[in-house]
Amino acid sequence: TQRMSGTKRPLIYQVIPLMDKINTMLEDFFDDTTKEDSIRFAIKAGVKILDKYYASTDDSLIYRAAMSIYEPKVENKYFERNKWPQVWVDAAKETL
């Protein structure tokens, strides 16, 4: 959140990578069986809510466009590193 609130104008292309990072952190915490079950299941509920908001970005042209023009060299590495299915990558690029 510091990255998003630390500037006067957060950039739209930062939203999806940040959501991916939060999702990964939450899922890793959930997978840690040394944590209390009640905490792990609360985390899982949070992941479901995050997934709901993440899915809503599919309906927004602005998010797709932002990911499509997100510095092409970085964009492709981002998609590969985060194991985006090719259909998602194609949909983002079709926006332009």
Foldseek 3Di string as FASTA:
>chain_A
DCQQPVDPHRDLQVVLVVLLVLLVVLVVVLPPPVDDPVVSVVSVVVSVVSVVVNVVVLVPLVNLQSLQVVPVVVSVVVCVVSVPPVVSVVSSNVSD
